[in-house]
Protein backbone atom coordinates (compact mmCIF):
# COMPACT_ATOMS: atom_id res chain seq x y z
CA MET A 1 0.39 0.21 -0.05
CA ASP A 2 1.24 4.14 -1.12
CA LEU A 3 1.70 5.89 2.51
CA ASP A 4 2.71 8.62 0.67
CA ALA A 5 -1.67 7.70 -0.34
CA VAL A 6 -2.40 6.86 2.77
CA ARG A 7 -1.19 9.88 4.82
CA THR A 8 -2.74 12.08 2.22
CA PHE A 9 -5.91 10.07 2.06
CA VAL A 10 -5.47 11.46 6.47
CA ALA A 11 -4.41 15.08 5.65
CA VAL A 12 -7.56 15.18 3.73
CA ALA A 13 -9.96 13.26 6.59
CA ASP A 14 -8.68 15.61 9.06
CA ALA A 15 -9.26 18.73 7.14
CA GLY A 16 -11.55 18.36 5.78
CA GLN A 17 -10.75 19.29 2.40
CA PHE A 18 -8.33 18.26 -0.41
CA GLN A 19 -7.02 21.79 -0.91
CA GLU A 20 -6.33 22.45 2.88
CA ALA A 21 -5.07 18.73 3.07
CA ALA A 22 -2.17 19.44 -0.40
CA ALA A 23 -1.30 22.05 1.61
CA THR A 24 -0.83 20.98 4.32
CA LEU A 25 1.96 18.56 2.07
CA SER A 26 3.66 21.02 -0.28
CA ILE A 27 1.96 19.05 -3.51
CA THR A 28 -1.27 19.96 -5.60
CA GLN A 29 -4.49 19.63 -5.02
CA GLN A 30 -4.79 17.52 -8.30
CA ALA A 31 -1.34 15.26 -7.16
CA ALA A 32 -4.30 15.01 -3.96
CA SER A 33 -7.13 13.57 -5.38
CA LYS A 34 -5.11 11.67 -7.60
CA ARG A 35 -3.60 9.69 -4.55
CA ILE A 36 -6.87 9.28 -2.85
CA ALA A 37 -8.13 8.18 -6.66
CA ALA A 38 -5.47 5.16 -6.69
CA LEU A 39 -6.26 4.21 -3.24
CA GLU A 40 -9.59 3.58 -3.81
CA LYS A 41 -9.07 2.12 -6.39
CA ASP A 42 -5.82 -0.05 -4.70
CA LEU A 43 -9.38 -0.74 -2.20
CA GLU A 44 -11.84 -1.33 -4.65
CA VAL A 45 -13.96 1.26 -1.98
CA ARG A 46 -15.45 5.07 -1.67
CA LEU A 47 -13.21 6.99 0.79
CA PHE A 48 -15.40 10.27 0.66
CA THR A 49 -18.07 12.35 -0.27
CA ARG A 50 -16.96 15.23 -1.91
CA THR A 51 -19.92 17.79 -1.31
CA ALA A 52 -19.93 22.11 -1.83
CA ARG A 53 -18.05 22.14 2.14
CA GLY A 54 -15.30 19.56 1.22
CA ALA A 55 -15.01 16.29 1.61
CA ARG A 56 -16.78 14.06 4.21
CA LEU A 57 -15.83 10.20 5.30
CA THR A 58 -17.95 7.21 3.73
CA ILE A 59 -18.60 4.96 6.57
CA ASP A 60 -15.73 3.27 4.41
CA GLY A 61 -13.48 6.30 5.18
CA GLN A 62 -14.41 5.86 9.00
CA ALA A 63 -14.00 2.11 8.76
CA PHE A 64 -10.01 2.74 7.40
CA LEU A 65 -9.09 5.59 9.55
CA PRO A 66 -7.95 4.28 12.95
CA HIS A 67 -6.20 1.12 10.51
CA ALA A 68 -4.64 4.28 8.27
CA ARG A 69 -3.21 5.78 11.55
CA GLU A 70 -1.72 2.83 12.44
CA LEU A 71 -0.01 2.27 9.25
CA LEU A 72 1.51 5.78 9.52
CA ARG A 73 2.60 5.54 13.59
CA VAL A 74 4.02 2.10 12.26
CA ALA A 75 6.27 3.57 9.80
CA GLU A 76 7.54 6.53 11.18
CA ARG A 77 8.51 4.17 14.91
CA ALA A 78 10.62 2.59 11.45
CA ASP A 79 11.89 5.71 9.95
CA ALA A 80 12.66 6.82 13.62
CA SER A 81 14.70 3.20 14.43
CA VAL A 82 17.42 4.43 12.18
CA ARG A 83 17.82 7.97 13.13
CA PRO A 84 18.29 8.30 16.90
CA GLY A 85 17.91 11.93 17.15
CA ARG A 86 16.67 13.06 14.82
CA ARG A 87 13.18 13.72 14.97
CA ALA A 88 10.52 15.77 17.25
CA LEU A 89 10.12 15.45 20.99
CA ARG A 90 6.05 13.69 20.06
CA VAL A 91 4.43 14.34 23.27
CA ASP A 92 0.47 13.07 23.59
CA VAL A 93 -1.26 15.88 25.11
CA VAL A 94 -4.77 13.53 25.12
CA ASN A 95 -7.19 16.74 24.26
CA ARG A 96 -6.21 20.34 22.76
CA ARG A 97 -8.32 21.64 24.99
CA ILE A 98 -6.87 21.48 28.26
CA ALA A 99 -4.63 21.71 30.71
CA PRO A 100 -1.30 19.59 29.02
CA ALA A 101 -1.95 21.35 25.64
CA VAL A 102 -1.98 24.07 26.96
CA LEU A 103 1.17 23.38 29.06
CA LEU A 104 3.76 22.76 26.28
CA GLN A 105 2.27 25.35 24.13
CA ASP A 106 3.57 27.69 26.62
CA PHE A 107 6.49 25.36 27.08
CA TYR A 108 7.07 25.83 22.98
CA ARG A 109 7.10 29.85 23.87
CA THR A 110 9.49 29.69 25.91
CA HIS A 111 12.01 27.19 24.71
CA PRO A 112 10.67 27.92 20.76
CA ASP A 113 13.79 25.57 19.23
CA THR A 114 12.87 22.63 20.28
CA GLU A 115 11.18 20.73 17.65
CA LEU A 116 8.16 19.45 18.95
CA ASP A 117 5.64 17.01 17.34
CA ILE A 118 2.05 17.63 19.63
CA VAL A 119 -0.62 14.34 19.45
CA THR A 120 -3.70 13.44 20.71
CA LEU A 121 -4.29 9.29 21.37
CA ASP A 122 -7.72 8.61 21.36
CA ALA A 123 -5.98 5.98 24.14
CA ASP A 124 -6.79 5.76 27.46
CA VAL A 125 -3.86 5.91 30.18
CA ASP A 126 -2.65 1.50 29.24
CA ALA A 127 -2.80 2.59 25.19
CA ALA A 128 -0.77 5.37 26.12
CA VAL A 129 1.52 3.75 28.37
CA ASP A 130 1.78 0.67 25.84
CA ALA A 131 2.52 4.01 23.00
CA VAL A 132 5.71 5.44 25.62
CA ALA A 133 7.01 1.45 25.88
CA SER A 134 6.97 0.95 22.38
CA GLY A 135 9.10 4.46 22.03
CA THR A 136 5.89 5.46 19.60
CA ILE A 137 5.59 8.68 21.93
CA ASP A 138 8.24 10.55 24.64
CA ALA A 139 5.52 11.67 26.97
CA THR A 140 1.79 11.50 27.50
CA PHE A 141 -0.18 12.85 30.29
CA HIS A 142 -2.74 10.78 32.35
CA ALA A 143 -4.13 10.49 35.88
CA VAL A 144 -2.64 7.69 37.33
CA ARG A 145 -3.50 5.69 40.16
CA PRO A 146 -1.90 3.47 42.71
CA GLN A 147 -3.32 -0.39 41.48
CA GLN A 148 -2.15 0.96 37.74
CA ASN A 149 -0.09 -1.72 36.26
CA LEU A 150 3.09 -0.06 34.83
CA PRO A 151 5.98 -1.19 32.95
CA ALA A 152 9.26 -1.26 34.89
CA SER A 153 10.52 1.00 32.19
CA ILE A 154 7.89 3.16 32.14
CA ARG A 155 8.30 6.74 34.98
CA THR A 156 5.76 8.76 36.18
CA ASN A 157 5.53 11.87 37.69
CA LEU A 158 2.55 14.53 39.00
CA VAL A 159 2.75 17.88 37.28
CA ILE A 160 -0.99 18.96 37.00
CA ASP A 161 -3.46 19.90 39.78
CA GLU A 162 -6.24 21.31 37.65
CA PRO A 163 -9.02 22.88 38.90
CA HIS A 164 -12.90 22.97 37.58
CA GLU A 165 -15.12 25.00 36.47
CA LEU A 166 -18.80 24.67 36.01
CA LEU A 167 -19.87 26.19 32.36
CA VAL A 168 -23.31 27.73 32.09
CA GLY A 169 -25.45 29.45 30.05
CA PRO A 170 -27.12 32.64 30.89
CA ARG A 171 -29.95 31.08 31.67
CA HIS A 172 -29.10 28.58 34.38
CA PRO A 173 -29.49 29.30 37.51
CA LEU A 174 -25.98 29.94 38.69
CA ALA A 175 -25.42 31.85 35.75
CA ASN A 176 -24.60 34.60 37.84
CA ALA A 177 -22.76 33.56 40.84
CA ARG A 178 -19.23 34.37 41.15
CA THR A 179 -17.98 30.90 42.71
CA VAL A 180 -20.20 27.49 43.63
CA THR A 181 -19.50 24.82 45.75
CA PRO A 182 -19.65 21.37 45.19
CA ALA A 183 -22.15 20.89 47.58
CA GLN A 184 -24.47 23.85 45.11
CA LEU A 185 -24.71 21.47 42.19
CA ALA A 186 -25.95 18.63 43.83
CA GLY A 187 -29.35 18.20 42.58
CA HIS A 188 -27.69 20.28 38.97
CA ARG A 189 -27.80 18.69 35.65
CA ILE A 190 -24.19 18.50 35.00
CA TRP A 191 -24.11 16.77 31.25
CA MET A 192 -20.45 15.11 30.27
CA PRO A 193 -21.77 12.93 27.66
CA GLY A 194 -19.44 10.20 25.94
CA LEU A 195 -17.36 9.80 29.62
CA ALA A 196 -15.96 7.36 29.12
CA ALA A 197 -17.66 4.40 31.58
CA ARG A 198 -14.01 2.84 33.21
CA GLY A 199 -10.45 3.38 33.56
CA GLU A 200 -8.98 7.14 35.39
CA VAL A 201 -11.25 9.61 33.97
CA ALA A 202 -14.50 7.23 35.01
CA ASP A 203 -13.01 6.40 37.82
CA TYR A 204 -12.11 10.17 39.03
CA TYR A 205 -15.38 11.61 38.60
CA ALA A 206 -17.20 8.88 39.96
CA GLU A 207 -15.53 9.48 43.51
CA LEU A 208 -16.54 13.35 42.88
CA ALA A 209 -20.35 12.34 42.45
CA THR A 210 -20.47 10.35 45.36
CA ALA A 211 -18.43 12.40 47.99
CA PHE A 212 -20.75 15.93 46.86
CA GLY A 213 -24.14 13.82 45.73
CA LEU A 214 -23.69 14.72 42.26
CA ALA A 215 -25.49 13.54 39.57
CA ILE A 216 -23.37 13.49 36.19
CA ASP A 217 -25.04 11.96 33.09
CA MET A 218 -23.19 10.69 30.52
CA LEU A 219 -25.93 9.35 28.24
CA GLY A 220 -26.80 10.55 24.65
CA PRO A 221 -25.04 10.71 21.65
CA VAL A 222 -21.46 13.06 21.16
CA PHE A 223 -21.71 15.31 18.65
CA GLY A 224 -18.30 16.88 19.70
CA ASN A 225 -17.72 20.26 21.89
CA GLU A 226 -19.66 23.32 19.61
CA ALA A 227 -22.71 20.55 19.90
CA LEU A 228 -22.71 20.65 23.75
CA LEU A 229 -21.76 24.52 23.80
CA ASP A 230 -24.36 25.40 21.65
CA GLU A 231 -26.74 22.85 23.96
CA ILE A 232 -25.40 24.81 26.96
CA ALA A 233 -26.14 27.99 26.00
CA ASP A 234 -29.76 28.00 25.15
CA SER A 235 -30.42 25.79 28.77
CA PRO A 236 -32.25 27.26 31.39
CA ASP A 237 -30.61 23.60 33.34
CA VAL A 238 -27.98 21.70 32.02
CA ALA A 239 -24.32 22.45 33.03
CA THR A 240 -21.34 21.54 32.24
CA LEU A 241 -17.43 20.67 33.75
CA ILE A 242 -14.88 22.10 32.69
CA GLY A 243 -10.76 22.31 33.33
CA GLU A 244 -9.37 26.04 34.94
CA ARG A 245 -7.16 26.25 31.91
CA SER A 246 -9.14 24.58 29.38
CA ARG A 247 -9.55 26.30 26.27
CA TYR A 248 -12.39 26.65 24.62
CA LEU A 249 -14.59 29.06 22.15
CA TRP A 250 -18.27 30.28 21.64
CA PRO A 251 -19.99 32.99 19.97
CA ASP A 252 -21.09 36.02 22.13
CA ASN A 253 -24.01 35.69 21.56
CA TYR A 254 -23.69 32.41 23.58
CA ASP A 255 -22.99 34.20 26.77
CA LEU A 256 -21.65 31.13 28.30
CA ARG A 257 -20.22 32.27 32.21
CA ARG A 258 -17.65 30.25 33.31
CA ILE A 259 -17.90 29.87 37.22
CA PRO A 260 -14.76 28.41 39.69
CA ILE A 261 -15.77 26.05 41.73
CA ARG A 262 -13.67 26.26 45.31
CA HIS A 263 -15.05 24.94 49.39
CA PRO A 264 -13.22 22.83 48.32
CA ALA A 265 -11.72 23.12 44.86
CA PRO A 266 -12.00 19.60 43.25
CA ILE A 267 -8.80 19.00 41.55
CA TYR A 268 -8.46 16.20 39.04
CA PRO A 269 -4.63 15.44 38.96
CA MET A 270 -2.41 14.59 35.95
CA SER A 271 1.07 13.15 35.34
CA VAL A 272 3.80 12.94 33.50
CA ILE A 273 4.37 9.25 31.81
CA TRP A 274 7.63 8.93 30.31
CA ARG A 275 9.69 5.96 29.81
CA ASP A 276 13.47 5.52 31.59
CA GLY A 277 16.57 5.72 28.91
CA ASP A 278 14.52 7.84 26.59
CA PRO A 279 17.10 9.64 24.63
CA HIS A 280 15.69 12.54 22.91
CA PRO A 281 17.28 15.41 24.13
CA ALA A 282 14.78 18.06 24.92
CA LEU A 283 12.83 15.38 27.41
CA ALA A 284 14.94 16.88 29.90
CA ARG A 285 14.35 20.64 28.86
CA LEU A 286 10.78 19.54 29.23
CA HIS A 287 10.90 17.83 32.34
CA ARG A 288 12.53 20.64 33.83
CA TYR A 289 10.21 23.39 32.17
CA LEU A 290 7.14 21.34 34.16
CA ASP A 291 8.88 21.45 37.48
CA SER A 292 8.79 24.74 37.51
CA ARG A 293 4.99 25.53 36.71
CA ARG A 294 3.10 22.42 38.10
CA THR A 295 0.76 23.41 40.56
CA ASN A 296 0.97 23.29 44.57
CA LYS A 297 4.58 22.67 44.47
CA SER A 298 5.15 23.47 47.48
CA ASP A 299 2.62 21.50 48.92
CA ALA A 300 3.11 17.77 48.43
CA THR A 301 -0.33 16.47 50.14
CA PRO A 302 -4.32 18.52 48.82
CA SER A 303 -5.02 21.27 51.23
CA ALA A 304 -8.06 22.11 53.39
CA THR A 305 -9.43 24.30 50.42
CA THR A 306 -9.49 21.52 47.65
CA TRP A 307 -10.71 18.09 47.22
CA THR A 308 -8.66 15.31 45.91
CA PRO A 309 -9.53 11.52 44.85
CA THR A 310 -8.47 9.07 47.18
CA TRP A 311 -5.70 8.00 44.50
CA ARG A 312 -3.60 10.61 44.32
CA ALA A 313 -0.10 10.70 44.21
CA PRO A 314 1.82 12.89 45.64
CA GLN A 315 4.10 14.96 43.84
CA LEU A 316 8.25 14.44 44.40
CA PRO A 317 10.97 16.62 42.87
CA LEU A 318 12.23 15.98 39.39
CA LYS A 319 15.75 15.11 38.72
CA THR A 320 17.21 14.93 35.62
CA THR A 321 20.31 15.50 33.73
CA THR A 322 20.95 17.43 30.11
CA ALA A 323 20.67 14.54 28.49
CA ALA A 324 18.00 12.19 30.07
CA PRO A 325 15.76 11.99 33.08
CA GLN A 326 16.93 9.62 35.92
CA ALA A 327 15.47 6.62 36.58
CA MET A 328 12.65 7.19 39.06
CA SER A 329 10.26 5.39 41.07
CA ALA A 330 6.67 4.82 39.56
CA GLU A 331 3.90 6.13 41.09
């Protein structure tokens, strides 16, 4: 299978347009179309439906996309295996809207000479750890529970304590509050469609809901963040939870309100996860930056004004060299 054609397919799927994908790949739109046509002929299916707005994946295209991404990841690993130290530092930020992505952007602003490859793996902590252990990525960010079964080569350290905010529309009863307490949220519908039923995220929200008697609604199809924001803007009773440093944009007429949750402030803990012995020279630089920026740095335990899950691990001093981080016990 032609990897250039597969790479073009993924680029068009991500961009939703042949022209934008061609520009990303530094080829002509005609060349991109020819690659897709050849791939469709090879697979004997149509991968895209052309619309007035661009290109939409067919059902076959949707089925092929994760395998196409995996093909490219395997090819990248093969290439990196014979090009040590030449590729960019590859970091999984989980979601480009949340705290790790914001933190990595800040890191790049202060270290613009560092080559970064920011990715968002559609993976839970176990799959992300496997990607780190195999060398597919250099680091990722997840909540790591004490019972997590980590390979011997994997190291972790808590670097982010993310407070929550309540996101509501202008007609919600709490819309004009400057802050709210977790107790005030009891009885209000907190809608988080698509929230994982298992894993570290599910464990956190299950413990949070139990601790404060919250009703977190995970039901309903997931139409994306824009659809969720639109629903909240027009509703008198629907709210959701977001991280304090997360980035969301919406039209001015939505008049959405981000309200800090305090007394106590629920905290979602995230650890950086990396492989002991990873030789990438930029990894130690990233560790030093995370150490300088991490929250609650002077306090190894949560304070009386915060709430954290029972499995939150303490923050540890990061010890690194200029080449790579020293070995550290896993959480």
